[in-house]
Amino acid sequence: GGGLVQPGGSLRLSCAAYQTSFFSINTMGW
């Protein structure tokens, strides 16, 4: 979702977590 935008513009970033272990992801952040 990153890229080049003009001031005042909008973007939406996405982060997909592909999990192979079994613990719970408690916290996510940017």
PDB file of all heavy atoms in Angstrom:
ATOM      1  N   GLY A   1       0.767  -1.230   0.000  1.00  0.00           N
ATOM      2  CA  GLY A   1       0.000   0.000   0.000  1.00  0.00           C
ATOM      3  C   GLY A   1       0.798   1.280   0.000  1.00  0.00           C
ATOM      4  O   GLY A   1       0.217   2.362  -0.143  1.00  0.00           O
ATOM      5  N   GLY A   2       2.100   1.189   0.172  1.00  0.00           N
ATOM      6  CA  GLY A   2       2.912   2.394   0.148  1.00  0.00           C
ATOM      7  C   GLY A   2       3.007   2.980  -1.247  1.00  0.00           C
ATOM      8  O   GLY A   2       2.624   2.362  -2.240  1.00  0.00           O
ATOM      9  N   GLY A   3       3.515   4.193  -1.308  1.00  0.00           N
ATOM     10  CA  GLY A   3       3.664   4.845  -2.590  1.00  0.00           C
ATOM     11  C   GLY A   3       3.885   6.326  -2.453  1.00  0.00           C
ATOM     12  O   GLY A   3       4.168   6.838  -1.366  1.00  0.00           O
ATOM     13  N   LEU A   4       3.746   7.013  -3.566  1.00  0.00           N
ATOM     14  CA  LEU A   4       3.937   8.456  -3.648  1.00  0.00           C
ATOM     15  C   LEU A   4       2.577   9.135  -3.712  1.00  0.00           C
ATOM     16  O   LEU A   4       1.743   8.795  -4.562  1.00  0.00           O
ATOM     17  CB  LEU A   4       4.763   8.806  -4.885  1.00  0.00           C
ATOM     18  CG  LEU A   4       4.934  10.285  -5.213  1.00  0.00           C
ATOM     19  CD1 LEU A   4       5.724  10.989  -4.117  1.00  0.00           C
ATOM     20  CD2 LEU A   4       5.607  10.443  -6.565  1.00  0.00           C
ATOM     21  N   VAL A   5       2.350  10.084  -2.812  1.00  0.00           N
ATOM     22  CA  VAL A   5       1.107  10.850  -2.795  1.00  0.00           C
ATOM     23  C   VAL A   5       1.426  12.321  -2.598  1.00  0.00           C
ATOM     24  O   VAL A   5       2.479  12.687  -2.069  1.00  0.00           O
ATOM     25  CB  VAL A   5       0.132  10.378  -1.698  1.00  0.00           C
ATOM     26  CG1 VAL A   5      -0.324   8.945  -1.952  1.00  0.00           C
ATOM     27  CG2 VAL A   5       0.777  10.496  -0.328  1.00  0.00           C
ATOM     28  N   GLN A   6       0.491  13.159  -3.015  1.00  0.00           N
ATOM     29  CA  GLN A   6       0.633  14.591  -2.805  1.00  0.00           C
ATOM     30  C   GLN A   6       0.171  14.974  -1.404  1.00  0.00           C
ATOM     31  O   GLN A   6      -0.614  14.256  -0.780  1.00  0.00           O
ATOM     32  CB  GLN A   6      -0.175  15.362  -3.842  1.00  0.00           C
ATOM     33  CG  GLN A   6       0.370  15.247  -5.254  1.00  0.00           C
ATOM     34  CD  GLN A   6      -0.388  16.114  -6.225  1.00  0.00           C
ATOM     35  OE1 GLN A   6      -1.613  16.171  -6.190  1.00  0.00           O
ATOM     36  NE2 GLN A   6       0.342  16.807  -7.088  1.00  0.00           N
ATOM     37  N   PRO A   7       0.669  16.080  -0.877  1.00  0.00           N
ATOM     38  CA  PRO A   7       0.168  16.545   0.419  1.00  0.00           C
ATOM     39  C   PRO A   7      -1.353  16.666   0.413  1.00  0.00           C
ATOM     40  O   PRO A   7      -1.950  17.134  -0.557  1.00  0.00           O
ATOM     41  CB  PRO A   7       0.839  17.909   0.592  1.00  0.00           C
ATOM     42  CG  PRO A   7       2.099  17.797  -0.209  1.00  0.00           C
ATOM     43  CD  PRO A   7       1.745  16.942  -1.400  1.00  0.00           C
ATOM     44  N   GLY A   8      -1.965  16.234   1.508  1.00  0.00           N
ATOM     45  CA  GLY A   8      -3.408  16.208   1.610  1.00  0.00           C
ATOM     46  C   GLY A   8      -4.047  14.934   1.112  1.00  0.00           C
ATOM     47  O   GLY A   8      -5.255  14.737   1.312  1.00  0.00           O
ATOM     48  N   GLY A   9      -3.275  14.077   0.485  1.00  0.00           N
ATOM     49  CA  GLY A   9      -3.796  12.837  -0.039  1.00  0.00           C
ATOM     50  C   GLY A   9      -3.922  11.759   1.017  1.00  0.00           C
ATOM     51  O   GLY A   9      -3.640  11.970   2.195  1.00  0.00           O
ATOM     52  N   SER A  10      -4.341  10.578   0.564  1.00  0.00           N
ATOM     53  CA  SER A  10      -4.595   9.456   1.456  1.00  0.00           C
ATOM     54  C   SER A  10      -3.949   8.187   0.932  1.00  0.00           C
ATOM     55  O   SER A  10      -3.770   8.013  -0.277  1.00  0.00           O
ATOM     56  CB  SER A  10      -6.101   9.213   1.607  1.00  0.00           C
ATOM     57  OG  SER A  10      -6.761  10.329   2.172  1.00  0.00           O
ATOM     58  N   LEU A  11      -3.606   7.318   1.843  1.00  0.00           N
ATOM     59  CA  LEU A  11      -3.119   5.980   1.543  1.00  0.00           C
ATOM     60  C   LEU A  11      -3.638   5.023   2.593  1.00  0.00           C
ATOM     61  O   LEU A  11      -3.886   5.423   3.733  1.00  0.00           O
ATOM     62  CB  LEU A  11      -1.590   5.910   1.534  1.00  0.00           C
ATOM     63  CG  LEU A  11      -0.815   6.440   0.333  1.00  0.00           C
ATOM     64  CD1 LEU A  11       0.676   6.372   0.628  1.00  0.00           C
ATOM     65  CD2 LEU A  11      -1.140   5.647  -0.919  1.00  0.00           C
ATOM     66  N   ARG A  12      -3.773   3.761   2.225  1.00  0.00           N
ATOM     67  CA  ARG A  12      -4.045   2.722   3.190  1.00  0.00           C
ATOM     68  C   ARG A  12      -2.980   1.642   3.084  1.00  0.00           C
ATOM     69  O   ARG A  12      -2.808   1.034   2.023  1.00  0.00           O
ATOM     70  CB  ARG A  12      -5.430   2.094   3.006  1.00  0.00           C
ATOM     71  CG  ARG A  12      -5.771   1.148   4.171  1.00  0.00           C
ATOM     72  CD  ARG A  12      -7.180   0.616   4.124  1.00  0.00           C
ATOM     73  NE  ARG A  12      -7.313  -0.528   3.234  1.00  0.00           N
ATOM     74  CZ  ARG A  12      -8.286  -1.424   3.309  1.00  0.00           C
ATOM     75  NH1 ARG A  12      -9.228  -1.299   4.243  1.00  0.00           N
ATOM     76  NH2 ARG A  12      -8.337  -2.420   2.447  1.00  0.00           N
ATOM     77  N   LEU A  13      -2.292   1.425   4.176  1.00  0.00           N
ATOM     78  CA  LEU A  13      -1.302   0.369   4.264  1.00  0.00           C
ATOM     79  C   LEU A  13      -1.944  -0.896   4.812  1.00  0.00           C
ATOM     80  O   LEU A  13      -2.815  -0.837   5.686  1.00  0.00           O
ATOM     81  CB  LEU A  13      -0.142   0.781   5.169  1.00  0.00           C
ATOM     82  CG  LEU A  13       0.565   2.099   4.841  1.00  0.00           C
ATOM     83  CD1 LEU A  13       1.725   2.313   5.804  1.00  0.00           C
ATOM     84  CD2 LEU A  13       1.037   2.128   3.400  1.00  0.00           C
ATOM     85  N   SER A  14      -1.496  -2.026   4.309  1.00  0.00           N
ATOM     86  CA  SER A  14      -1.964  -3.315   4.788  1.00  0.00           C
ATOM     87  C   SER A  14      -0.773  -4.162   5.196  1.00  0.00           C
ATOM     88  O   SER A  14       0.305  -4.062   4.609  1.00  0.00           O
ATOM     89  CB  SER A  14      -2.767  -4.051   3.713  1.00  0.00           C
ATOM     90  OG  SER A  14      -3.912  -3.325   3.338  1.00  0.00           O
ATOM     91  N   CYS A  15      -0.980  -5.001   6.180  1.00  0.00           N
ATOM     92  CA  CYS A  15       0.041  -5.924   6.650  1.00  0.00           C
ATOM     93  C   CYS A  15      -0.631  -7.255   6.935  1.00  0.00           C
ATOM     94  O   CYS A  15      -1.427  -7.360   7.880  1.00  0.00           O
ATOM     95  CB  CYS A  15       0.736  -5.380   7.896  1.00  0.00           C
ATOM     96  SG  CYS A  15       1.859  -6.551   8.698  1.00  0.00           S
ATOM     97  N   ALA A  16      -0.313  -8.250   6.147  1.00  0.00           N
ATOM     98  CA  ALA A  16      -0.852  -9.589   6.336  1.00  0.00           C
ATOM     99  C   ALA A  16       0.143 -10.423   7.116  1.00  0.00           C
ATOM    100  O   ALA A  16       1.317 -10.514   6.740  1.00  0.00           O
ATOM    101  CB  ALA A  16      -1.163 -10.240   4.998  1.00  0.00           C
ATOM    102  N   ALA A  17      -0.312 -11.015   8.205  1.00  0.00           N
ATOM    103  CA  ALA A  17       0.524 -11.856   9.049  1.00  0.00           C
ATOM    104  C   ALA A  17       0.268 -13.310   8.702  1.00  0.00           C
ATOM    105  O   ALA A  17      -0.825 -13.832   8.936  1.00  0.00           O
ATOM    106  CB  ALA A  17       0.245 -11.595  10.522  1.00  0.00           C
ATOM    107  N   TYR A  18       1.275 -13.952   8.140  1.00  0.00           N
ATOM    108  CA  TYR A  18       1.198 -15.370   7.806  1.00  0.00           C
ATOM    109  C   TYR A  18       1.875 -16.137   8.927  1.00  0.00           C
ATOM    110  O   TYR A  18       3.093 -16.102   9.071  1.00  0.00           O
ATOM    111  CB  TYR A  18       1.849 -15.639   6.458  1.00  0.00           C
ATOM    112  CG  TYR A  18       1.166 -14.927   5.330  1.00  0.00           C
ATOM    113  CD1 TYR A  18       1.627 -13.695   4.883  1.00  0.00           C
ATOM    114  CD2 TYR A  18       0.046 -15.475   4.718  1.00  0.00           C
ATOM    115  CE1 TYR A  18       0.984 -13.029   3.855  1.00  0.00           C
ATOM    116  CE2 TYR A  18      -0.599 -14.815   3.689  1.00  0.00           C
ATOM    117  CZ  TYR A  18      -0.126 -13.598   3.257  1.00  0.00           C
ATOM    118  OH  TYR A  18      -0.762 -12.939   2.233  1.00  0.00           O
ATOM    119  N   GLN A  19       1.063 -16.824   9.708  1.00  0.00           N
ATOM    120  CA  GLN A  19       1.513 -17.401  10.969  1.00  0.00           C
ATOM    121  C   GLN A  19       1.587 -18.912  10.864  1.00  0.00           C
ATOM    122  O   GLN A  19       0.606 -19.569  10.502  1.00  0.00           O
ATOM    123  CB  GLN A  19       0.568 -16.981  12.099  1.00  0.00           C
ATOM    124  CG  GLN A  19       1.055 -17.320  13.487  1.00  0.00           C
ATOM    125  CD  GLN A  19       0.174 -16.704  14.559  1.00  0.00           C
ATOM    126  OE1 GLN A  19      -0.921 -16.217  14.287  1.00  0.00           O
ATOM    127  NE2 GLN A  19       0.649 -16.731  15.790  1.00  0.00           N
ATOM    128  N   THR A  20       2.743 -19.450  11.186  1.00  0.00           N
ATOM    129  CA  THR A  20       2.934 -20.900  11.190  1.00  0.00           C
ATOM    130  C   THR A  20       3.053 -21.478  12.593  1.00  0.00           C
ATOM    131  O   THR A  20       2.994 -22.695  12.752  1.00  0.00           O
ATOM    132  CB  THR A  20       4.177 -21.284  10.379  1.00  0.00           C
ATOM    133  OG1 THR A  20       5.335 -20.638  10.922  1.00  0.00           O
ATOM    134  CG2 THR A  20       4.012 -20.868   8.927  1.00  0.00           C
ATOM    135  N   SER A  21       3.229 -20.635  13.599  1.00  0.00           N
ATOM    136  CA  SER A  21       3.225 -21.077  14.986  1.00  0.00           C
ATOM    137  C   SER A  21       1.838 -20.868  15.581  1.00  0.00           C
ATOM    138  O   SER A  21       0.922 -20.371  14.914  1.00  0.00           O
ATOM    139  CB  SER A  21       4.293 -20.339  15.797  1.00  0.00           C
ATOM    140  OG  SER A  21       4.117 -18.936  15.710  1.00  0.00           O
ATOM    141  N   PHE A  22       1.685 -21.198  16.849  1.00  0.00           N
ATOM    142  CA  PHE A  22       0.347 -21.271  17.415  1.00  0.00           C
ATOM    143  C   PHE A  22       0.058 -20.235  18.498  1.00  0.00           C
ATOM    144  O   PHE A  22      -1.005 -20.278  19.119  1.00  0.00           O
ATOM    145  CB  PHE A  22       0.113 -22.668  17.984  1.00  0.00           C
ATOM    146  CG  PHE A  22       0.239 -23.746  16.959  1.00  0.00           C
ATOM    147  CD1 PHE A  22       1.384 -24.515  16.888  1.00  0.00           C
ATOM    148  CD2 PHE A  22      -0.782 -23.979  16.053  1.00  0.00           C
ATOM    149  CE1 PHE A  22       1.514 -25.505  15.933  1.00  0.00           C
ATOM    150  CE2 PHE A  22      -0.668 -24.966  15.093  1.00  0.00           C
ATOM    151  CZ  PHE A  22       0.481 -25.729  15.026  1.00  0.00           C
ATOM    152  N   PHE A  23       0.952 -19.305  18.723  1.00  0.00           N
ATOM    153  CA  PHE A  23       0.716 -18.304  19.748  1.00  0.00           C
ATOM    154  C   PHE A  23      -0.234 -17.228  19.249  1.00  0.00           C
ATOM    155  O   PHE A  23      -0.407 -17.030  18.042  1.00  0.00           O
ATOM    156  CB  PHE A  23       2.039 -17.682  20.213  1.00  0.00           C
ATOM    157  CG  PHE A  23       2.674 -16.771  19.212  1.00  0.00           C
ATOM    158  CD1 PHE A  23       2.451 -15.400  19.263  1.00  0.00           C
ATOM    159  CD2 PHE A  23       3.497 -17.261  18.220  1.00  0.00           C
ATOM    160  CE1 PHE A  23       3.044 -14.547  18.349  1.00  0.00           C
ATOM    161  CE2 PHE A  23       4.090 -16.428  17.294  1.00  0.00           C
ATOM    162  CZ  PHE A  23       3.865 -15.068  17.360  1.00  0.00           C
ATOM    163  N   SER A  24      -0.842 -16.525  20.179  1.00  0.00           N
ATOM    164  CA  SER A  24      -1.756 -15.440  19.860  1.00  0.00           C
ATOM    165  C   SER A  24      -0.971 -14.148  19.656  1.00  0.00           C
ATOM    166  O   SER A  24      -0.131 -13.792  20.483  1.00  0.00           O
ATOM    167  CB  SER A  24      -2.777 -15.257  20.977  1.00  0.00           C
ATOM    168  OG  SER A  24      -3.611 -14.139  20.739  1.00  0.00           O
ATOM    169  N   ILE A  25      -1.241 -13.458  18.548  1.00  0.00           N
ATOM    170  CA  ILE A  25      -0.635 -12.150  18.317  1.00  0.00           C
ATOM    171  C   ILE A  25      -1.470 -11.127  19.083  1.00  0.00           C
ATOM    172  O   ILE A  25      -2.575 -10.773  18.671  1.00  0.00           O
ATOM    173  CB  ILE A  25      -0.579 -11.808  16.828  1.00  0.00           C
ATOM    174  CG1 ILE A  25       0.283 -12.835  16.086  1.00  0.00           C
ATOM    175  CG2 ILE A  25      -0.029 -10.396  16.628  1.00  0.00           C
ATOM    176  CD1 ILE A  25       0.281 -12.670  14.585  1.00  0.00           C
ATOM    177  N   ASN A  26      -0.932 -10.667  20.195  1.00  0.00           N
ATOM    178  CA  ASN A  26      -1.678  -9.748  21.045  1.00  0.00           C
ATOM    179  C   ASN A  26      -1.658  -8.321  20.516  1.00  0.00           C
ATOM    180  O   ASN A  26      -2.684  -7.641  20.489  1.00  0.00           O
ATOM    181  CB  ASN A  26      -1.125  -9.784  22.472  1.00  0.00           C
ATOM    182  CG  ASN A  26      -1.835  -8.823  23.392  1.00  0.00           C
ATOM    183  OD1 ASN A  26      -1.295  -7.776  23.754  1.00  0.00           O
ATOM    184  ND2 ASN A  26      -3.052  -9.166  23.776  1.00  0.00           N
ATOM    185  N   THR A  27      -0.486  -7.876  20.100  1.00  0.00           N
ATOM    186  CA  THR A  27      -0.296  -6.487  19.712  1.00  0.00           C
ATOM    187  C   THR A  27       0.166  -6.411  18.268  1.00  0.00           C
ATOM    188  O   THR A  27       1.069  -7.141  17.857  1.00  0.00           O
ATOM    189  CB  THR A  27       0.746  -5.800  20.614  1.00  0.00           C
ATOM    190  OG1 THR A  27       0.347  -5.920  21.977  1.00  0.00           O
ATOM    191  CG2 THR A  27       0.881  -4.322  20.254  1.00  0.00           C
ATOM    192  N   MET A  28      -0.436  -5.523  17.513  1.00  0.00           N
ATOM    193  CA  MET A  28       0.053  -5.189  16.190  1.00  0.00           C
ATOM    194  C   MET A  28       0.207  -3.676  16.116  1.00  0.00           C
ATOM    195  O   MET A  28      -0.519  -2.936  16.782  1.00  0.00           O
ATOM    196  CB  MET A  28      -0.873  -5.682  15.090  1.00  0.00           C
ATOM    197  CG  MET A  28      -1.063  -7.194  15.082  1.00  0.00           C
ATOM    198  SD  MET A  28      -1.911  -7.827  13.607  1.00  0.00           S
ATOM    199  CE  MET A  28      -0.556  -7.777  12.413  1.00  0.00           C
ATOM    200  N   GLY A  29       1.155  -3.250  15.318  1.00  0.00           N
ATOM    201  CA  GLY A  29       1.391  -1.820  15.243  1.00  0.00           C
ATOM    202  C   GLY A  29       2.135  -1.411  13.999  1.00  0.00           C
ATOM    203  O   GLY A  29       2.666  -2.242  13.258  1.00  0.00           O
ATOM    204  N   TRP A  30       2.141  -0.112  13.792  1.00  0.00           N
ATOM    205  CA  TRP A  30       2.899   0.512  12.723  1.00  0.00           C
ATOM    206  C   TRP A  30       3.941   1.436  13.331  1.00  0.00           C
ATOM    207  O   TRP A  30       3.637   2.210  14.250  1.00  0.00           O
ATOM    208  CB  TRP A  30       1.998   1.318  11.785  1.00  0.00           C
ATOM    209  CG  TRP A  30       1.072   0.479  10.968  1.00  0.00           C
ATOM    210  CD1 TRP A  30      -0.229   0.183  11.226  1.00  0.00           C
ATOM    211  CD2 TRP A  30       1.391  -0.175   9.732  1.00  0.00           C
ATOM    212  NE1 TRP A  30      -0.750  -0.608  10.240  1.00  0.00           N
ATOM    213  CE2 TRP A  30       0.223  -0.848   9.310  1.00  0.00           C
ATOM    214  CE3 TRP A  30       2.539  -0.262   8.951  1.00  0.00           C
ATOM    215  CZ2 TRP A  30       0.175  -1.596   8.133  1.00  0.00           C
ATOM    216  CZ3 TRP A  30       2.496  -1.006   7.789  1.00  0.00           C
ATOM    217  CH2 TRP A  30       1.319  -1.662   7.392  1.00  0.00           C
TER     218      TRP A  30
END
